[in-house]
Amino acid sequence: MVLAAGEGRRLRPLTHVQPKPLCPVGGVPLLDLALERVRRVAVACSVNVHHGRTALEEHLAVSHPDVHVSVEAKQALGTAGALGQLRDWIGGRATLVVNADTWAEADLAAFVAGWDGERVRLLVGGQPVFGPRMAVAAALMPWADVAALSPEPSGLYERCWAAAADAGRVEVVGHPGPVVDCGTPAGYLRANLLAADRSAGSIIAPTAQVSGSVERSVIGEEARVAGTVRDSVLWPGVEVASAELLERAVRATERVTVLVR
C-alpha cells in the first residue's frame, strides 16, 4: 500500500503545479520510487488517491496499469482509514505500507525477511526508538490489525501503533540511511541533493541543455541552463538565464521558484 492521497499543503506552491506524489526526486516521481521499492517484496500493490486525483489516476493508468487504485472520493481518510477502505481488497493478507512522500533508499526485502507475522514491524530512520516523531520508512501490518481499521479519517499511530506498542506488539527496526519527509520544500530539496550526491554530484536529464554551470543539482528533461545552478532542482522545461544564479532553490515553472534558506 502506497499512501498518496494527502493534500501537500506544506509543500505549496510546488503542489499547485503537481500533486505531491508526482513531484520528482532525482528526476523520478516520488510515487514511482515508492512503487519500485514495494514491488520488490509485494505480490500486489495499491495506491490511494484523493487530492490531485485526476493527475494521479492518469499517471498510474499509463505507468502502473496493474496497480489497484483506491479512490477516496469524499475526503482523504488518513493512514489508517486508507487501509480500512481496502480491507476487502487486502482480504486477509499482511500489508506493507509506505508513504509516497517519504524518500528512503531502504532494502525492503531485508526489512520483511524474518518477520513473525504477529507484531507490527516499523522501519524508522536512525535509532530504533518508538514514538510519535519517529521517521517511518515502512510498516508491516498483520492482517488482524488491518481488519480492525475502519474507512474513516484516522491515523495509524493513534488507531493501531500506540496500543500495539503498549501491548508489546511493536518491533522497531532502525534504518542506517536517511529517511526524508518530502512534505516541505526543505525536505524535498534535501532528498534531491542526496540523490544527486549518489550520482557523482548532479543528475542531468539527457534532453536538458546546459551551457552554464551546474553544481550538485538535479536538472529535468528539456530544462535549459545558461547561468549557474547550485544545490537546486529544475523541473522539466524550465530555464535559468545566463546572468542568473539559482542556489538552494526549486524551480517548478517559469513563474514558480521556491528558495530554501
C-alpha atoms as a PDB file:
ATOM      1  CA  MET A   1       0.000   0.000   0.000  1.00  0.00           C
ATOM      2  CA  VAL A   2       1.446   3.330  -1.088  1.00  0.00           C
ATOM      3  CA  LEU A   3      -0.210   6.288   0.619  1.00  0.00           C
ATOM      4  CA  ALA A   4      -0.669   9.112  -1.893  1.00  0.00           C
ATOM      5  CA  ALA A   5      -3.904  10.939  -1.003  1.00  0.00           C
ATOM      6  CA  GLY A   6      -2.523  13.839   1.043  1.00  0.00           C
ATOM      7  CA  GLU A   7      -3.107  17.482   0.192  1.00  0.00           C
ATOM      8  CA  GLY A   8       0.535  18.556   0.180  1.00  0.00           C
ATOM      9  CA  ARG A   9      -0.242  21.852   1.895  1.00  0.00           C
ATOM     10  CA  ARG A  10       3.235  22.185   3.455  1.00  0.00           C
ATOM     11  CA  LEU A  11       4.847  21.791   0.040  1.00  0.00           C
ATOM     12  CA  ARG A  12       2.989  24.681  -1.568  1.00  0.00           C
ATOM     13  CA  PRO A  13       3.412  26.317  -4.018  1.00  0.00           C
ATOM     14  CA  LEU A  14       5.049  23.268  -5.639  1.00  0.00           C
ATOM     15  CA  THR A  15       1.879  21.263  -5.111  1.00  0.00           C
ATOM     16  CA  HIS A  16      -0.090  23.885  -7.009  1.00  0.00           C
ATOM     17  CA  VAL A  17       1.903  22.642 -10.009  1.00  0.00           C
ATOM     18  CA  GLN A  18       1.978  18.880  -9.329  1.00  0.00           C
ATOM     19  CA  PRO A  19       0.378  16.632  -6.702  1.00  0.00           C
ATOM     20  CA  LYS A  20       2.992  15.836  -4.072  1.00  0.00           C
ATOM     21  CA  PRO A  21       3.414  12.159  -5.082  1.00  0.00           C
ATOM     22  CA  LEU A  22       4.289  13.247  -8.627  1.00  0.00           C
ATOM     23  CA  CYS A  23       6.979  15.732  -7.561  1.00  0.00           C
ATOM     24  CA  PRO A  24      10.262  14.270  -8.858  1.00  0.00           C
ATOM     25  CA  VAL A  25      13.266  13.318  -6.774  1.00  0.00           C
ATOM     26  CA  GLY A  26      16.340  12.609  -8.839  1.00  0.00           C
ATOM     27  CA  GLY A  27      14.154  13.072 -11.903  1.00  0.00           C
ATOM     28  CA  VAL A  28      11.658  10.335 -10.917  1.00  0.00           C
ATOM     29  CA  PRO A  29       8.217  10.971  -9.356  1.00  0.00           C
ATOM     30  CA  LEU A  30       8.080  10.123  -5.662  1.00  0.00           C
ATOM     31  CA  LEU A  31       5.179   7.758  -6.348  1.00  0.00           C
ATOM     32  CA  ASP A  32       7.237   5.770  -8.856  1.00  0.00           C
ATOM     33  CA  LEU A  33      10.132   5.499  -6.404  1.00  0.00           C
ATOM     34  CA  ALA A  34       7.782   4.195  -3.702  1.00  0.00           C
ATOM     35  CA  LEU A  35       6.198   1.640  -6.019  1.00  0.00           C
ATOM     36  CA  GLU A  36       9.626   0.486  -7.163  1.00  0.00           C
ATOM     37  CA  ARG A  37      10.560  -0.237  -3.549  1.00  0.00           C
ATOM     38  CA  VAL A  38       7.401  -2.135  -2.626  1.00  0.00           C
ATOM     39  CA  ARG A  39       7.220  -4.140  -5.868  1.00  0.00           C
ATOM     40  CA  ARG A  40      10.386  -5.956  -4.840  1.00  0.00           C
ATOM     41  CA  VAL A  41       8.546  -7.679  -1.993  1.00  0.00           C
ATOM     42  CA  ALA A  42       4.781  -7.330  -2.585  1.00  0.00           C
ATOM     43  CA  VAL A  43       2.547  -9.626  -4.631  1.00  0.00           C
ATOM     44  CA  ALA A  44       0.025  -6.828  -5.286  1.00  0.00           C
ATOM     45  CA  CYS A  45       0.130  -3.043  -4.910  1.00  0.00           C
ATOM     46  CA  SER A  46      -2.477  -0.400  -4.185  1.00  0.00           C
ATOM     47  CA  VAL A  47      -2.316   3.401  -4.199  1.00  0.00           C
ATOM     48  CA  ASN A  48      -4.933   5.598  -2.549  1.00  0.00           C
ATOM     49  CA  VAL A  49      -5.885   8.905  -4.192  1.00  0.00           C
ATOM     50  CA  HIS A  50      -7.872  11.995  -3.226  1.00  0.00           C
ATOM     51  CA  HIS A  51      -6.058  15.329  -3.629  1.00  0.00           C
ATOM     52  CA  GLY A  52      -4.734  15.590  -7.180  1.00  0.00           C
ATOM     53  CA  ARG A  53      -6.819  12.544  -8.041  1.00  0.00           C
ATOM     54  CA  THR A  54      -7.107  13.162 -11.790  1.00  0.00           C
ATOM     55  CA  ALA A  55      -3.377  13.637 -12.344  1.00  0.00           C
ATOM     56  CA  LEU A  56      -2.526  10.637 -10.181  1.00  0.00           C
ATOM     57  CA  GLU A  57      -5.053   8.360 -11.887  1.00  0.00           C
ATOM     58  CA  GLU A  58      -3.768   9.405 -15.310  1.00  0.00           C
ATOM     59  CA  HIS A  59      -0.173   8.757 -14.265  1.00  0.00           C
ATOM     60  CA  LEU A  60      -0.977   5.360 -12.781  1.00  0.00           C
ATOM     61  CA  ALA A  61      -3.009   4.317 -15.824  1.00  0.00           C
ATOM     62  CA  VAL A  62      -0.008   4.922 -18.077  1.00  0.00           C
ATOM     63  CA  SER A  63       2.939   3.981 -15.864  1.00  0.00           C
ATOM     64  CA  HIS A  64       1.467   1.392 -13.486  1.00  0.00           C
ATOM     65  CA  PRO A  65      -1.702  -0.062 -15.046  1.00  0.00           C
ATOM     66  CA  ASP A  66      -1.582  -3.158 -12.809  1.00  0.00           C
ATOM     67  CA  VAL A  67      -1.771  -1.136  -9.577  1.00  0.00           C
ATOM     68  CA  HIS A  68      -5.082  -1.146  -7.710  1.00  0.00           C
ATOM     69  CA  VAL A  69      -6.324   2.440  -7.229  1.00  0.00           C
ATOM     70  CA  SER A  70      -8.302   3.131  -4.060  1.00  0.00           C
ATOM     71  CA  VAL A  71     -10.351   6.278  -4.617  1.00  0.00           C
ATOM     72  CA  GLU A  72     -11.180   8.282  -1.501  1.00  0.00           C
ATOM     73  CA  ALA A  73     -13.866  10.324  -3.183  1.00  0.00           C
ATOM     74  CA  LYS A  74     -15.451  12.404  -0.418  1.00  0.00           C
ATOM     75  CA  GLN A  75     -12.435  13.031   1.802  1.00  0.00           C
ATOM     76  CA  ALA A  76      -8.905  11.835   2.452  1.00  0.00           C
ATOM     77  CA  LEU A  77      -9.059   9.027   5.006  1.00  0.00           C
ATOM     78  CA  GLY A  78      -5.599   9.273   6.565  1.00  0.00           C
ATOM     79  CA  THR A  79      -3.121   6.455   7.010  1.00  0.00           C
ATOM     80  CA  ALA A  80      -5.479   4.196   8.971  1.00  0.00           C
ATOM     81  CA  GLY A  81      -8.689   4.971   7.135  1.00  0.00           C
ATOM     82  CA  ALA A  82      -6.967   4.249   3.821  1.00  0.00           C
ATOM     83  CA  LEU A  83      -6.291   0.679   4.956  1.00  0.00           C
ATOM     84  CA  GLY A  84      -9.787   0.399   6.391  1.00  0.00           C
ATOM     85  CA  GLN A  85     -11.262   1.168   2.978  1.00  0.00           C
ATOM     86  CA  LEU A  86      -9.065  -1.530   1.438  1.00  0.00           C
ATOM     87  CA  ARG A  87      -9.959  -4.338   3.846  1.00  0.00           C
ATOM     88  CA  ASP A  88     -11.882  -6.317   1.222  1.00  0.00           C
ATOM     89  CA  TRP A  89      -9.112  -5.933  -1.351  1.00  0.00           C
ATOM     90  CA  ILE A  90      -6.418  -6.855   1.191  1.00  0.00           C
ATOM     91  CA  GLY A  91      -8.546  -9.866   2.087  1.00  0.00           C
ATOM     92  CA  GLY A  92      -6.609 -11.469   4.921  1.00  0.00           C
ATOM     93  CA  ARG A  93      -3.119 -10.621   3.713  1.00  0.00           C
ATOM     94  CA  ALA A  94      -0.405  -8.919   5.710  1.00  0.00           C
ATOM     95  CA  THR A  95       0.266  -5.418   4.381  1.00  0.00           C
ATOM     96  CA  LEU A  96       3.398  -3.390   3.744  1.00  0.00           C
ATOM     97  CA  VAL A  97       2.691   0.350   3.991  1.00  0.00           C
ATOM     98  CA  VAL A  98       4.856   3.216   2.737  1.00  0.00           C
ATOM     99  CA  ASN A  99       4.241   6.937   2.259  1.00  0.00           C
ATOM    100  CA  ALA A 100       4.749   8.222  -1.267  1.00  0.00           C
ATOM    101  CA  ASP A 101       6.297  11.416   0.107  1.00  0.00           C
ATOM    102  CA  THR A 102       8.955   9.635   2.169  1.00  0.00           C
ATOM    103  CA  TRP A 103      12.299   9.245   0.415  1.00  0.00           C
ATOM    104  CA  ALA A 104      14.438   6.396   1.738  1.00  0.00           C
ATOM    105  CA  GLU A 105      16.757   4.043  -0.101  1.00  0.00           C
ATOM    106  CA  ALA A 106      15.740   1.150   2.115  1.00  0.00           C
ATOM    107  CA  ASP A 107      16.093  -2.550   1.305  1.00  0.00           C
ATOM    108  CA  LEU A 108      12.529  -3.656   1.980  1.00  0.00           C
ATOM    109  CA  ALA A 109      13.367  -7.283   1.223  1.00  0.00           C
ATOM    110  CA  ALA A 110      15.725  -7.269   4.196  1.00  0.00           C
ATOM    111  CA  PHE A 111      13.118  -5.452   6.271  1.00  0.00           C
ATOM    112  CA  VAL A 112      10.450  -8.066   5.516  1.00  0.00           C
ATOM    113  CA  ALA A 113      12.730 -11.076   5.996  1.00  0.00           C
ATOM    114  CA  GLY A 114      12.222 -12.989   9.223  1.00  0.00           C
ATOM    115  CA  TRP A 115       9.054 -11.131  10.252  1.00  0.00           C
ATOM    116  CA  ASP A 116       6.958 -13.144  12.708  1.00  0.00           C
ATOM    117  CA  GLY A 117       3.681 -12.049  11.119  1.00  0.00           C
ATOM    118  CA  GLU A 118       2.211 -11.222  14.525  1.00  0.00           C
ATOM    119  CA  ARG A 119       3.730  -7.897  15.557  1.00  0.00           C
ATOM    120  CA  VAL A 120       3.644  -4.561  13.768  1.00  0.00           C
ATOM    121  CA  ARG A 121       7.136  -4.030  12.388  1.00  0.00           C
ATOM    122  CA  LEU A 122       8.286  -0.460  11.720  1.00  0.00           C
ATOM    123  CA  LEU A 123      11.336   0.661   9.751  1.00  0.00           C
ATOM    124  CA  VAL A 124      12.480   4.033  11.096  1.00  0.00           C
ATOM    125  CA  GLY A 125      15.359   6.371  10.408  1.00  0.00           C
ATOM    126  CA  GLY A 126      18.129   6.441  13.000  1.00  0.00           C
ATOM    127  CA  GLN A 127      17.848   4.656  16.303  1.00  0.00           C
ATOM    128  CA  PRO A 128      15.060   2.056  16.608  1.00  0.00           C
ATOM    129  CA  VAL A 129      13.003   4.038  19.119  1.00  0.00           C
ATOM    130  CA  PHE A 130       9.194   4.094  19.069  1.00  0.00           C
ATOM    131  CA  GLY A 131       7.409   7.435  19.378  1.00  0.00           C
ATOM    132  CA  PRO A 132       5.122   9.897  17.606  1.00  0.00           C
ATOM    133  CA  ARG A 133       8.018  11.737  15.968  1.00  0.00           C
ATOM    134  CA  MET A 134       9.782   8.707  14.506  1.00  0.00           C
ATOM    135  CA  ALA A 135      10.624   8.911  10.793  1.00  0.00           C
ATOM    136  CA  VAL A 136       8.845   5.865   9.388  1.00  0.00           C
ATOM    137  CA  ALA A 137      10.174   4.484   6.119  1.00  0.00           C
ATOM    138  CA  ALA A 138       7.840   1.457   6.038  1.00  0.00           C
ATOM    139  CA  ALA A 139       5.416  -0.514   8.193  1.00  0.00           C
ATOM    140  CA  LEU A 140       4.432  -4.183   8.180  1.00  0.00           C
ATOM    141  CA  MET A 141       0.887  -4.710   9.382  1.00  0.00           C
ATOM    142  CA  PRO A 142      -0.554  -8.118  10.356  1.00  0.00           C
ATOM    143  CA  TRP A 143      -3.980  -8.818   8.908  1.00  0.00           C
ATOM    144  CA  ALA A 144      -5.587  -8.785  12.362  1.00  0.00           C
ATOM    145  CA  ASP A 145      -4.535  -5.155  12.816  1.00  0.00           C
ATOM    146  CA  VAL A 146      -5.686  -4.163   9.327  1.00  0.00           C
ATOM    147  CA  ALA A 147      -9.045  -5.882   9.827  1.00  0.00           C
ATOM    148  CA  ALA A 148      -9.723  -3.731  12.896  1.00  0.00           C
ATOM    149  CA  LEU A 149      -9.458  -0.464  10.930  1.00  0.00           C
ATOM    150  CA  SER A 150     -12.484   1.370   9.572  1.00  0.00           C
ATOM    151  CA  PRO A 151     -12.757   3.615   6.483  1.00  0.00           C
ATOM    152  CA  GLU A 152     -12.914   6.896   8.363  1.00  0.00           C
ATOM    153  CA  PRO A 153     -10.314   9.674   8.680  1.00  0.00           C
ATOM    154  CA  SER A 154      -7.732   8.452  11.174  1.00  0.00           C
ATOM    155  CA  GLY A 155      -4.023   7.778  11.618  1.00  0.00           C
ATOM    156  CA  LEU A 156      -2.167   4.521  12.123  1.00  0.00           C
ATOM    157  CA  TYR A 157      -0.218   5.801  15.122  1.00  0.00           C
ATOM    158  CA  GLU A 158      -3.364   6.728  17.030  1.00  0.00           C
ATOM    159  CA  ARG A 159      -5.593   3.853  15.876  1.00  0.00           C
ATOM    160  CA  CYS A 160      -3.117   0.999  15.958  1.00  0.00           C
ATOM    161  CA  TRP A 161       0.555   1.521  16.673  1.00  0.00           C
ATOM    162  CA  ALA A 162       0.346   3.197  20.093  1.00  0.00           C
ATOM    163  CA  ALA A 163      -1.935   0.495  21.526  1.00  0.00           C
ATOM    164  CA  ALA A 164       0.131  -2.248  19.925  1.00  0.00           C
ATOM    165  CA  ALA A 165       3.292  -0.776  21.475  1.00  0.00           C
ATOM    166  CA  ASP A 166       1.641  -0.689  24.906  1.00  0.00           C
ATOM    167  CA  ALA A 167       0.845  -4.386  24.446  1.00  0.00           C
ATOM    168  CA  GLY A 168       4.411  -5.222  23.453  1.00  0.00           C
ATOM    169  CA  ARG A 169       3.379  -5.911  19.864  1.00  0.00           C
ATOM    170  CA  VAL A 170       5.572  -3.431  18.006  1.00  0.00           C
ATOM    171  CA  GLU A 171       9.022  -4.222  16.649  1.00  0.00           C
ATOM    172  CA  VAL A 172      11.083  -1.214  15.589  1.00  0.00           C
ATOM    173  CA  VAL A 173      13.942  -1.655  13.117  1.00  0.00           C
ATOM    174  CA  GLY A 174      16.469   1.115  12.538  1.00  0.00           C
ATOM    175  CA  HIS A 175      17.406   2.195   9.023  1.00  0.00           C
ATOM    176  CA  PRO A 176      21.017   3.424   8.837  1.00  0.00           C
ATOM    177  CA  GLY A 177      20.437   5.728   5.885  1.00  0.00           C
ATOM    178  CA  PRO A 178      18.417   8.932   5.612  1.00  0.00           C
ATOM    179  CA  VAL A 179      14.625   8.877   5.801  1.00  0.00           C
ATOM    180  CA  VAL A 180      13.436  12.189   4.367  1.00  0.00           C
ATOM    181  CA  ASP A 181       9.960  13.661   4.642  1.00  0.00           C
ATOM    182  CA  CYS A 182       9.483  15.419   1.305  1.00  0.00           C
ATOM    183  CA  GLY A 183       6.389  17.225   2.553  1.00  0.00           C
ATOM    184  CA  THR A 184       8.207  20.560   2.914  1.00  0.00           C
ATOM    185  CA  PRO A 185      10.382  22.440   0.411  1.00  0.00           C
ATOM    186  CA  ALA A 186      13.423  21.932   2.659  1.00  0.00           C
ATOM    187  CA  GLY A 187      12.845  18.186   2.911  1.00  0.00           C
ATOM    188  CA  TYR A 188      12.084  17.902  -0.793  1.00  0.00           C
ATOM    189  CA  LEU A 189      15.280  19.750  -1.720  1.00  0.00           C
ATOM    190  CA  ARG A 190      17.294  17.629   0.720  1.00  0.00           C
ATOM    191  CA  ALA A 191      16.070  14.395  -0.866  1.00  0.00           C
ATOM    192  CA  ASN A 192      17.035  15.645  -4.311  1.00  0.00           C
ATOM    193  CA  LEU A 193      20.502  16.692  -3.169  1.00  0.00           C
ATOM    194  CA  LEU A 194      21.035  13.300  -1.544  1.00  0.00           C
ATOM    195  CA  ALA A 195      20.010  11.667  -4.827  1.00  0.00           C
ATOM    196  CA  ALA A 196      22.458  13.931  -6.663  1.00  0.00           C
ATOM    197  CA  ASP A 197      25.251  13.003  -4.244  1.00  0.00           C
ATOM    198  CA  ARG A 198      24.689   9.344  -5.180  1.00  0.00           C
ATOM    199  CA  SER A 199      25.113  10.197  -8.879  1.00  0.00           C
ATOM    200  CA  ALA A 200      28.555  11.799  -8.908  1.00  0.00           C
ATOM    201  CA  GLY A 201      27.292  15.178  -7.783  1.00  0.00           C
ATOM    202  CA  SER A 202      24.457  16.021 -10.202  1.00  0.00           C
ATOM    203  CA  ILE A 203      21.656  14.398 -12.167  1.00  0.00           C
ATOM    204  CA  ILE A 204      21.147  15.962 -15.595  1.00  0.00           C
ATOM    205  CA  ALA A 205      18.416  14.608 -17.860  1.00  0.00           C
ATOM    206  CA  PRO A 206      19.561  13.570 -21.362  1.00  0.00           C
ATOM    207  CA  THR A 207      17.425  16.207 -23.080  1.00  0.00           C
ATOM    208  CA  ALA A 208      18.488  19.070 -20.792  1.00  0.00           C
ATOM    209  CA  GLN A 209      20.579  21.820 -22.385  1.00  0.00           C
ATOM    210  CA  VAL A 210      23.437  23.041 -20.203  1.00  0.00           C
ATOM    211  CA  SER A 211      25.743  25.804 -21.427  1.00  0.00           C
ATOM    212  CA  GLY A 212      26.246  27.306 -17.967  1.00  0.00           C
ATOM    213  CA  SER A 213      27.351  25.761 -14.672  1.00  0.00           C
ATOM    214  CA  VAL A 214      25.641  23.021 -12.674  1.00  0.00           C
ATOM    215  CA  GLU A 215      26.834  22.021  -9.208  1.00  0.00           C
ATOM    216  CA  ARG A 216      25.183  19.331  -7.045  1.00  0.00           C
ATOM    217  CA  SER A 217      21.773  19.731  -8.640  1.00  0.00           C
ATOM    218  CA  VAL A 218      19.005  17.845 -10.433  1.00  0.00           C
ATOM    219  CA  ILE A 219      18.117  19.122 -13.909  1.00  0.00           C
ATOM    220  CA  GLY A 220      14.910  17.855 -15.509  1.00  0.00           C
ATOM    221  CA  GLU A 221      14.104  16.912 -19.097  1.00  0.00           C
ATOM    222  CA  GLU A 222      14.328  19.773 -21.624  1.00  0.00           C
ATOM    223  CA  ALA A 223      15.404  22.240 -18.925  1.00  0.00           C
ATOM    224  CA  ARG A 224      17.853  24.917 -20.096  1.00  0.00           C
ATOM    225  CA  VAL A 225      20.750  26.199 -18.020  1.00  0.00           C
ATOM    226  CA  ALA A 226      22.676  29.193 -19.340  1.00  0.00           C
ATOM    227  CA  GLY A 227      23.516  30.635 -15.916  1.00  0.00           C
ATOM    228  CA  THR A 228      24.648  28.981 -12.669  1.00  0.00           C
ATOM    229  CA  VAL A 229      22.671  26.354 -10.797  1.00  0.00           C
ATOM    230  CA  ARG A 230      23.943  25.250  -7.412  1.00  0.00           C
ATOM    231  CA  ASP A 231      22.303  22.889  -4.872  1.00  0.00           C
ATOM    232  CA  SER A 232      18.984  23.200  -6.694  1.00  0.00           C
ATOM    233  CA  VAL A 233      16.265  21.343  -8.601  1.00  0.00           C
ATOM    234  CA  LEU A 234      14.911  22.263 -12.031  1.00  0.00           C
ATOM    235  CA  TRP A 235      11.703  20.616 -13.142  1.00  0.00           C
ATOM    236  CA  PRO A 236      11.246  19.713 -16.817  1.00  0.00           C
ATOM    237  CA  GLY A 237      11.165  22.542 -19.319  1.00  0.00           C
ATOM    238  CA  VAL A 238      12.259  25.434 -17.101  1.00  0.00           C
ATOM    239  CA  GLU A 239      15.118  27.838 -17.772  1.00  0.00           C
ATOM    240  CA  VAL A 240      17.937  29.578 -15.887  1.00  0.00           C
ATOM    241  CA  ALA A 241      19.088  32.661 -17.791  1.00  0.00           C
ATOM    242  CA  SER A 242      22.738  33.473 -18.484  1.00  0.00           C
ATOM    243  CA  ALA A 243      23.023  36.195 -15.827  1.00  0.00           C
ATOM    244  CA  GLU A 244      21.145  34.209 -13.182  1.00  0.00           C
ATOM    245  CA  LEU A 245      22.431  32.361 -10.096  1.00  0.00           C
ATOM    246  CA  LEU A 246      19.977  29.824  -8.714  1.00  0.00           C
ATOM    247  CA  GLU A 247      21.130  28.470  -5.360  1.00  0.00           C
ATOM    248  CA  ARG A 248      19.242  26.204  -2.901  1.00  0.00           C
ATOM    249  CA  ALA A 249      16.054  26.532  -4.876  1.00  0.00           C
ATOM    250  CA  VAL A 250      13.397  24.505  -6.648  1.00  0.00           C
ATOM    251  CA  ARG A 251      12.167  25.901  -9.959  1.00  0.00           C
ATOM    252  CA  ALA A 252       8.929  24.176 -10.942  1.00  0.00           C
ATOM    253  CA  THR A 253       7.736  26.528 -13.711  1.00  0.00           C
ATOM    254  CA  GLU A 254       8.875  29.837 -15.117  1.00  0.00           C
ATOM    255  CA  ARG A 255       6.647  31.518 -12.522  1.00  0.00           C
ATOM    256  CA  VAL A 256       7.189  29.199  -9.539  1.00  0.00           C
ATOM    257  CA  THR A 257      10.590  29.183  -7.851  1.00  0.00           C
ATOM    258  CA  VAL A 258      10.913  28.264  -4.192  1.00  0.00           C
ATOM    259  CA  LEU A 259      14.017  29.399  -2.309  1.00  0.00           C
ATOM    260  CA  VAL A 260      15.076  27.209   0.627  1.00  0.00           C
ATOM    261  CA  ARG A 261      17.040  29.094   3.276  1.00  0.00           C
END
